[in-house]
């Protein structure tokens, strides 16, 4: 089954943008939290596409952090392998005591069953990326 959803922070008042995306992702099947040092300037566009069991997201986001904590993992863990490919901007993925800085057209894998932190720097603008969640059970 194919389904698509779009979140545009620009559709909301500035003071509600960060909280709206945080709530959307905190209540997802793969719960995460979104934090920003400048919530009044936070902007994001998220295009979510479900291709059966695989979820693909196109994201453009201002500087922020996305966290998946042990508490969120206990809340729900769909056991996903995730691939992130930044299209522009910079990000750092931290998991299992390792940090991986990425620029355009590099990729990183991370595991939904382990805590992680993703820091989006934006380099003066939005960081744009594509991310795919793939159930580990499909990988064999």
N, C-alpha and C. Protein backbone atom coordinates (compact mmCIF):
# COMPACT_ATOMS: atom_id res chain seq x y z
N UNK A 1 0.83 -1.17 0.00
CA UNK A 1 0.00 0.00 0.00
C UNK A 1 0.89 1.25 0.00
N UNK A 2 0.53 2.22 -0.80
CA UNK A 2 1.27 3.46 -0.93
C UNK A 2 0.50 4.58 -0.26
N UNK A 3 1.18 5.32 0.62
CA UNK A 3 0.53 6.49 1.22
C UNK A 3 1.58 7.59 1.38
N UNK A 4 1.11 8.84 1.26
CA UNK A 4 2.01 9.98 1.36
C UNK A 4 1.41 11.01 2.30
N UNK A 5 2.28 11.67 3.07
CA UNK A 5 1.86 12.76 3.96
C UNK A 5 2.95 13.83 3.90
N UNK A 6 2.53 15.08 4.10
CA UNK A 6 3.47 16.20 4.07
C UNK A 6 3.25 17.06 5.31
N UNK A 7 4.35 17.45 5.95
CA UNK A 7 4.34 18.41 7.06
C UNK A 7 5.12 19.62 6.60
N UNK A 8 4.50 20.79 6.69
CA UNK A 8 5.17 22.04 6.34
C UNK A 8 5.07 22.98 7.54
N UNK A 9 6.19 23.28 8.15
CA UNK A 9 6.16 24.15 9.32
C UNK A 9 5.66 25.55 8.95
N UNK A 10 5.87 25.96 7.71
CA UNK A 10 5.43 27.27 7.27
C UNK A 10 3.92 27.45 7.31
N UNK A 11 3.18 26.35 7.43
CA UNK A 11 1.72 26.42 7.55
C UNK A 11 1.28 26.80 8.96
N UNK A 12 2.24 26.89 9.89
CA UNK A 12 1.94 27.13 11.31
C UNK A 12 2.56 28.44 11.78
N UNK A 13 2.01 29.02 12.85
CA UNK A 13 2.68 30.18 13.46
C UNK A 13 4.07 29.79 13.94
N UNK A 14 5.02 30.72 13.87
CA UNK A 14 6.42 30.44 14.22
C UNK A 14 6.57 29.78 15.58
N UNK A 15 5.80 30.21 16.57
CA UNK A 15 5.95 29.67 17.92
C UNK A 15 5.46 28.22 18.04
N UNK A 16 4.73 27.70 17.04
CA UNK A 16 4.19 26.34 17.10
C UNK A 16 4.94 25.33 16.24
N UNK A 17 5.87 25.78 15.42
CA UNK A 17 6.49 24.92 14.41
C UNK A 17 7.30 23.77 15.00
N UNK A 18 8.20 24.07 15.91
CA UNK A 18 9.04 23.03 16.51
C UNK A 18 8.19 22.04 17.29
N UNK A 19 7.27 22.54 18.10
CA UNK A 19 6.42 21.67 18.91
C UNK A 19 5.57 20.75 18.05
N UNK A 20 5.11 21.23 16.90
CA UNK A 20 4.28 20.41 16.03
C UNK A 20 5.06 19.24 15.44
N UNK A 21 6.28 19.50 14.97
CA UNK A 21 7.08 18.39 14.43
C UNK A 21 7.51 17.45 15.54
N UNK A 22 7.87 17.99 16.70
CA UNK A 22 8.25 17.16 17.84
C UNK A 22 7.10 16.22 18.21
N UNK A 23 5.90 16.75 18.26
CA UNK A 23 4.73 15.92 18.60
C UNK A 23 4.48 14.86 17.54
N UNK A 24 4.60 15.23 16.27
CA UNK A 24 4.40 14.27 15.18
C UNK A 24 5.37 13.10 15.32
N UNK A 25 6.66 13.40 15.54
CA UNK A 25 7.66 12.34 15.61
C UNK A 25 7.65 11.62 16.95
N UNK A 26 7.26 12.27 18.03
CA UNK A 26 7.19 11.60 19.34
C UNK A 26 6.09 10.55 19.36
N UNK A 27 5.06 10.73 18.53
CA UNK A 27 3.93 9.80 18.49
C UNK A 27 3.98 8.85 17.30
N UNK A 28 5.12 8.78 16.64
CA UNK A 28 5.31 7.92 15.48
C UNK A 28 5.56 6.48 15.93
N UNK A 29 5.49 5.54 15.00
CA UNK A 29 5.81 4.13 15.30
C UNK A 29 7.29 3.96 15.66
N UNK A 30 8.10 4.93 15.32
CA UNK A 30 9.54 4.98 15.60
C UNK A 30 9.78 6.31 16.31
N UNK A 31 9.35 6.42 17.59
CA UNK A 31 9.36 7.73 18.25
C UNK A 31 10.74 8.35 18.40
N UNK A 32 10.79 9.65 18.09
CA UNK A 32 11.99 10.47 18.23
C UNK A 32 11.55 11.83 18.76
N UNK A 33 12.50 12.61 19.24
CA UNK A 33 12.23 13.97 19.72
C UNK A 33 13.06 14.95 18.90
N UNK A 34 12.54 16.16 18.72
CA UNK A 34 13.22 17.21 17.97
C UNK A 34 13.47 18.38 18.91
N UNK A 35 14.72 18.85 18.96
CA UNK A 35 15.11 19.97 19.81
C UNK A 35 15.81 21.04 18.96
N UNK A 36 15.67 22.29 19.36
CA UNK A 36 16.36 23.37 18.69
C UNK A 36 16.71 24.46 19.69
N UNK A 37 17.91 25.04 19.53
CA UNK A 37 18.31 26.18 20.36
C UNK A 37 17.58 27.45 19.96
N UNK A 38 17.00 27.46 18.77
CA UNK A 38 16.31 28.65 18.26
C UNK A 38 14.91 28.25 17.76
N UNK A 39 14.02 27.84 18.67
CA UNK A 39 12.70 27.36 18.23
C UNK A 39 11.89 28.42 17.48
N UNK A 40 12.15 29.70 17.75
CA UNK A 40 11.40 30.76 17.08
C UNK A 40 11.78 30.87 15.59
N UNK A 41 12.92 30.31 15.21
CA UNK A 41 13.36 30.34 13.80
C UNK A 41 13.30 28.96 13.15
N UNK A 42 12.76 27.97 13.85
CA UNK A 42 12.73 26.60 13.34
C UNK A 42 11.84 26.50 12.10
N UNK A 43 12.34 25.77 11.10
CA UNK A 43 11.57 25.51 9.88
C UNK A 43 11.84 24.07 9.43
N UNK A 44 10.82 23.43 8.91
CA UNK A 44 10.99 22.07 8.39
C UNK A 44 9.89 21.77 7.37
N UNK A 45 10.29 21.02 6.37
CA UNK A 45 9.33 20.42 5.44
C UNK A 45 9.66 18.94 5.41
N UNK A 46 8.65 18.11 5.63
CA UNK A 46 8.83 16.66 5.69
C UNK A 46 7.84 16.02 4.72
N UNK A 47 8.35 15.27 3.77
CA UNK A 47 7.51 14.50 2.86
C UNK A 47 7.70 13.03 3.21
N UNK A 48 6.64 12.39 3.67
CA UNK A 48 6.70 11.00 4.13
C UNK A 48 5.96 10.12 3.14
N UNK A 49 6.62 9.07 2.69
CA UNK A 49 6.05 8.15 1.73
C UNK A 49 6.19 6.73 2.26
N UNK A 50 5.08 6.06 2.46
CA UNK A 50 5.10 4.65 2.87
C UNK A 50 4.97 3.79 1.63
N UNK A 51 5.97 2.94 1.42
CA UNK A 51 5.98 1.99 0.31
C UNK A 51 5.87 0.60 0.90
N UNK A 52 4.67 0.22 1.32
CA UNK A 52 4.50 -1.03 2.05
C UNK A 52 5.20 -0.93 3.38
N UNK A 53 6.15 -1.82 3.65
CA UNK A 53 6.85 -1.84 4.93
C UNK A 53 7.99 -0.83 5.00
N UNK A 54 8.37 -0.25 3.86
CA UNK A 54 9.48 0.70 3.81
C UNK A 54 8.92 2.12 3.85
N UNK A 55 9.54 2.97 4.69
CA UNK A 55 9.14 4.37 4.81
C UNK A 55 10.28 5.23 4.31
N UNK A 56 9.97 6.14 3.38
CA UNK A 56 10.97 7.05 2.82
C UNK A 56 10.55 8.47 3.16
N UNK A 57 11.51 9.28 3.61
CA UNK A 57 11.23 10.66 3.99
C UNK A 57 12.20 11.58 3.26
N UNK A 58 11.67 12.65 2.70
CA UNK A 58 12.47 13.77 2.23
C UNK A 58 12.34 14.86 3.28
N UNK A 59 13.45 15.38 3.76
CA UNK A 59 13.44 16.34 4.86
C UNK A 59 14.29 17.55 4.50
N UNK A 60 13.74 18.73 4.74
CA UNK A 60 14.50 19.98 4.72
C UNK A 60 14.27 20.60 6.08
N UNK A 61 15.36 20.84 6.83
CA UNK A 61 15.21 21.28 8.22
C UNK A 61 16.29 22.29 8.59
N UNK A 62 15.89 23.27 9.40
CA UNK A 62 16.85 24.24 9.92
C UNK A 62 17.66 23.57 11.03
N UNK A 63 18.70 24.22 11.54
CA UNK A 63 19.53 23.60 12.58
C UNK A 63 18.70 23.09 13.77
N UNK A 64 18.94 21.83 14.13
CA UNK A 64 18.22 21.18 15.23
C UNK A 64 18.91 19.86 15.56
N UNK A 65 18.34 19.15 16.53
CA UNK A 65 18.79 17.81 16.89
C UNK A 65 17.58 16.89 16.92
N UNK A 66 17.78 15.65 16.49
CA UNK A 66 16.77 14.60 16.61
C UNK A 66 17.35 13.53 17.52
N UNK A 67 16.59 13.13 18.53
CA UNK A 67 17.06 12.15 19.52
C UNK A 67 16.15 10.94 19.55
N UNK A 68 16.76 9.78 19.76
CA UNK A 68 16.02 8.56 20.07
C UNK A 68 16.68 8.00 21.32
N UNK A 69 15.98 8.10 22.44
CA UNK A 69 16.52 7.73 23.75
C UNK A 69 16.13 6.30 24.12
N UNK A 70 16.78 5.74 25.14
CA UNK A 70 16.37 4.41 25.61
C UNK A 70 14.88 4.36 25.99
N UNK A 71 14.37 5.45 26.57
CA UNK A 71 12.95 5.49 26.94
C UNK A 71 12.04 5.41 25.71
N UNK A 72 12.41 6.10 24.65
CA UNK A 72 11.62 6.05 23.42
C UNK A 72 11.71 4.68 22.76
N UNK A 73 12.86 4.04 22.85
CA UNK A 73 13.02 2.69 22.30
C UNK A 73 12.13 1.71 23.06
N UNK A 74 12.07 1.85 24.39
CA UNK A 74 11.18 0.97 25.18
C UNK A 74 9.72 1.23 24.84
N UNK A 75 9.40 2.46 24.51
CA UNK A 75 8.03 2.82 24.14
C UNK A 75 7.60 2.11 22.86
N UNK A 76 8.51 2.05 21.86
CA UNK A 76 8.21 1.39 20.59
C UNK A 76 9.49 1.19 19.81
N UNK A 77 9.73 -0.03 19.38
CA UNK A 77 10.89 -0.30 18.53
C UNK A 77 10.47 -1.23 17.39
N UNK A 78 10.25 -0.66 16.21
CA UNK A 78 9.88 -1.48 15.06
C UNK A 78 11.06 -2.21 14.42
N UNK A 79 12.26 -2.15 15.05
CA UNK A 79 13.46 -2.84 14.58
C UNK A 79 13.76 -2.49 13.13
N UNK A 80 14.15 -1.23 12.95
CA UNK A 80 14.43 -0.70 11.62
C UNK A 80 15.92 -0.50 11.40
N UNK A 81 16.34 -0.67 10.18
CA UNK A 81 17.64 -0.22 9.72
C UNK A 81 17.34 1.03 8.89
N UNK A 82 18.02 2.11 9.19
CA UNK A 82 17.74 3.37 8.51
C UNK A 82 18.96 3.85 7.76
N UNK A 83 18.72 4.42 6.60
CA UNK A 83 19.76 4.97 5.74
C UNK A 83 19.46 6.45 5.57
N UNK A 84 20.47 7.30 5.80
CA UNK A 84 20.33 8.74 5.57
C UNK A 84 21.33 9.15 4.50
N UNK A 85 20.84 9.90 3.51
CA UNK A 85 21.68 10.48 2.47
C UNK A 85 21.44 11.98 2.46
N UNK A 86 22.38 12.79 2.96
CA UNK A 86 22.21 14.24 2.89
C UNK A 86 22.37 14.73 1.45
N UNK A 87 21.51 15.65 1.05
CA UNK A 87 21.59 16.23 -0.29
C UNK A 87 22.35 17.55 -0.26
N UNK A 88 22.21 18.29 0.84
CA UNK A 88 23.02 19.49 1.08
C UNK A 88 22.99 19.80 2.57
N UNK A 89 23.90 20.67 2.99
CA UNK A 89 24.03 20.95 4.41
C UNK A 89 24.88 19.88 5.07
N UNK A 90 24.99 19.98 6.38
CA UNK A 90 25.82 19.03 7.14
C UNK A 90 25.02 18.46 8.28
N UNK A 91 25.35 17.23 8.63
CA UNK A 91 24.75 16.59 9.79
C UNK A 91 25.75 15.65 10.41
N UNK A 92 25.52 15.35 11.69
CA UNK A 92 26.34 14.39 12.42
C UNK A 92 25.40 13.38 13.05
N UNK A 93 25.65 12.10 12.77
CA UNK A 93 24.89 11.02 13.37
C UNK A 93 25.76 10.39 14.45
N UNK A 94 25.22 10.29 15.66
CA UNK A 94 25.94 9.69 16.79
C UNK A 94 25.17 8.48 17.28
N UNK A 95 25.86 7.33 17.35
CA UNK A 95 25.26 6.11 17.86
C UNK A 95 26.36 5.17 18.31
N UNK A 96 26.13 4.47 19.43
CA UNK A 96 27.06 3.48 19.96
C UNK A 96 28.46 4.07 20.17
N UNK A 97 28.53 5.31 20.67
CA UNK A 97 29.80 5.92 20.97
C UNK A 97 30.58 6.41 19.76
N UNK A 98 29.96 6.41 18.58
CA UNK A 98 30.63 6.87 17.37
C UNK A 98 29.88 8.04 16.77
N UNK A 99 30.62 8.98 16.20
CA UNK A 99 30.05 10.12 15.50
C UNK A 99 30.44 10.02 14.04
N UNK A 100 29.49 10.29 13.17
CA UNK A 100 29.77 10.28 11.73
C UNK A 100 29.27 11.59 11.14
N UNK A 101 30.18 12.46 10.71
CA UNK A 101 29.83 13.72 10.06
C UNK A 101 29.62 13.45 8.58
N UNK A 102 28.53 14.00 8.05
CA UNK A 102 28.19 13.76 6.65
C UNK A 102 27.96 15.07 5.92
N UNK A 103 28.36 15.10 4.68
CA UNK A 103 28.04 16.19 3.77
C UNK A 103 27.24 15.62 2.61
N UNK A 104 27.11 16.39 1.57
CA UNK A 104 26.30 15.98 0.43
C UNK A 104 26.74 14.66 -0.19
N UNK A 105 25.78 13.84 -0.52
CA UNK A 105 25.96 12.58 -1.25
C UNK A 105 26.79 11.53 -0.54
N UNK A 106 26.89 11.59 0.79
CA UNK A 106 27.45 10.51 1.58
C UNK A 106 26.26 9.79 2.20
N UNK A 107 26.48 8.67 2.85
CA UNK A 107 25.37 8.00 3.52
C UNK A 107 25.83 7.38 4.81
N UNK A 108 24.85 7.16 5.69
CA UNK A 108 25.12 6.51 6.97
C UNK A 108 23.94 5.60 7.28
N UNK A 109 24.23 4.51 7.97
CA UNK A 109 23.21 3.59 8.46
C UNK A 109 23.11 3.74 9.96
N UNK A 110 21.89 3.62 10.51
CA UNK A 110 21.74 3.55 11.96
C UNK A 110 20.63 2.58 12.30
N UNK A 111 20.61 2.16 13.56
CA UNK A 111 19.73 1.10 14.06
C UNK A 111 18.71 1.69 15.02
N UNK A 112 17.42 1.47 14.76
CA UNK A 112 16.36 2.02 15.61
C UNK A 112 16.35 1.42 17.01
N UNK A 113 17.01 0.29 17.20
CA UNK A 113 17.01 -0.38 18.50
C UNK A 113 18.07 0.16 19.45
N UNK A 114 18.88 1.10 18.97
CA UNK A 114 19.94 1.71 19.77
C UNK A 114 19.72 3.22 19.83
N UNK A 115 19.99 3.84 20.98
CA UNK A 115 19.84 5.30 21.06
C UNK A 115 20.72 5.99 20.01
N UNK A 116 20.22 7.11 19.50
CA UNK A 116 21.01 7.91 18.57
C UNK A 116 20.67 9.38 18.71
N UNK A 117 21.56 10.19 18.14
CA UNK A 117 21.37 11.64 18.06
C UNK A 117 21.82 12.05 16.66
N UNK A 118 21.00 12.88 16.01
CA UNK A 118 21.36 13.44 14.71
C UNK A 118 21.33 14.95 14.86
N UNK A 119 22.46 15.60 14.56
CA UNK A 119 22.57 17.05 14.65
C UNK A 119 22.65 17.63 13.24
N UNK A 120 21.70 18.49 12.93
CA UNK A 120 21.63 19.15 11.63
C UNK A 120 22.18 20.56 11.78
N UNK A 121 23.27 20.88 11.08
CA UNK A 121 23.87 22.20 11.23
C UNK A 121 23.30 23.20 10.23
N UNK A 122 22.96 22.75 9.06
CA UNK A 122 22.37 23.62 8.06
C UNK A 122 23.35 24.51 7.33
N UNK A 123 24.53 24.79 7.91
CA UNK A 123 25.52 25.65 7.27
C UNK A 123 24.90 26.95 6.75
N UNK A 124 24.09 27.61 7.58
CA UNK A 124 23.48 28.87 7.21
C UNK A 124 22.13 28.73 6.52
N UNK A 125 21.72 27.54 6.20
CA UNK A 125 20.43 27.30 5.55
C UNK A 125 19.86 25.99 6.05
N UNK A 126 18.97 25.42 5.28
CA UNK A 126 18.37 24.15 5.65
C UNK A 126 19.26 22.99 5.22
N UNK A 127 19.25 21.94 6.01
CA UNK A 127 19.84 20.67 5.60
C UNK A 127 18.76 19.89 4.89
N UNK A 128 19.07 19.37 3.73
CA UNK A 128 18.12 18.54 2.99
C UNK A 128 18.67 17.13 2.89
N UNK A 129 17.79 16.14 3.07
CA UNK A 129 18.22 14.75 3.02
C UNK A 129 17.07 13.85 2.60
N UNK A 130 17.46 12.61 2.29
CA UNK A 130 16.51 11.53 2.09
C UNK A 130 16.85 10.47 3.11
N UNK A 131 15.82 9.92 3.77
CA UNK A 131 16.01 8.87 4.76
C UNK A 131 15.04 7.75 4.48
N UNK A 132 15.51 6.51 4.58
CA UNK A 132 14.66 5.33 4.40
C UNK A 132 14.74 4.47 5.65
N UNK A 133 13.56 4.07 6.16
CA UNK A 133 13.47 3.09 7.25
C UNK A 133 13.08 1.76 6.60
N UNK A 134 13.91 0.73 6.86
CA UNK A 134 13.68 -0.60 6.29
C UNK A 134 13.63 -1.59 7.45
N UNK A 135 12.53 -2.34 7.60
CA UNK A 135 12.49 -3.35 8.67
C UNK A 135 13.63 -4.34 8.53
N UNK A 136 14.34 -4.59 9.64
CA UNK A 136 15.46 -5.55 9.60
C UNK A 136 15.01 -6.90 9.10
N UNK A 137 13.78 -7.28 9.37
CA UNK A 137 13.27 -8.59 8.94
C UNK A 137 13.30 -8.73 7.41
N UNK A 138 13.22 -7.62 6.69
CA UNK A 138 13.26 -7.67 5.22
C UNK A 138 14.68 -7.82 4.68
N UNK A 139 15.69 -7.57 5.54
CA UNK A 139 17.07 -7.60 5.08
C UNK A 139 17.70 -8.98 5.13
N UNK A 140 17.05 -9.90 5.81
CA UNK A 140 17.54 -11.27 5.85
C UNK A 140 18.73 -11.54 6.66
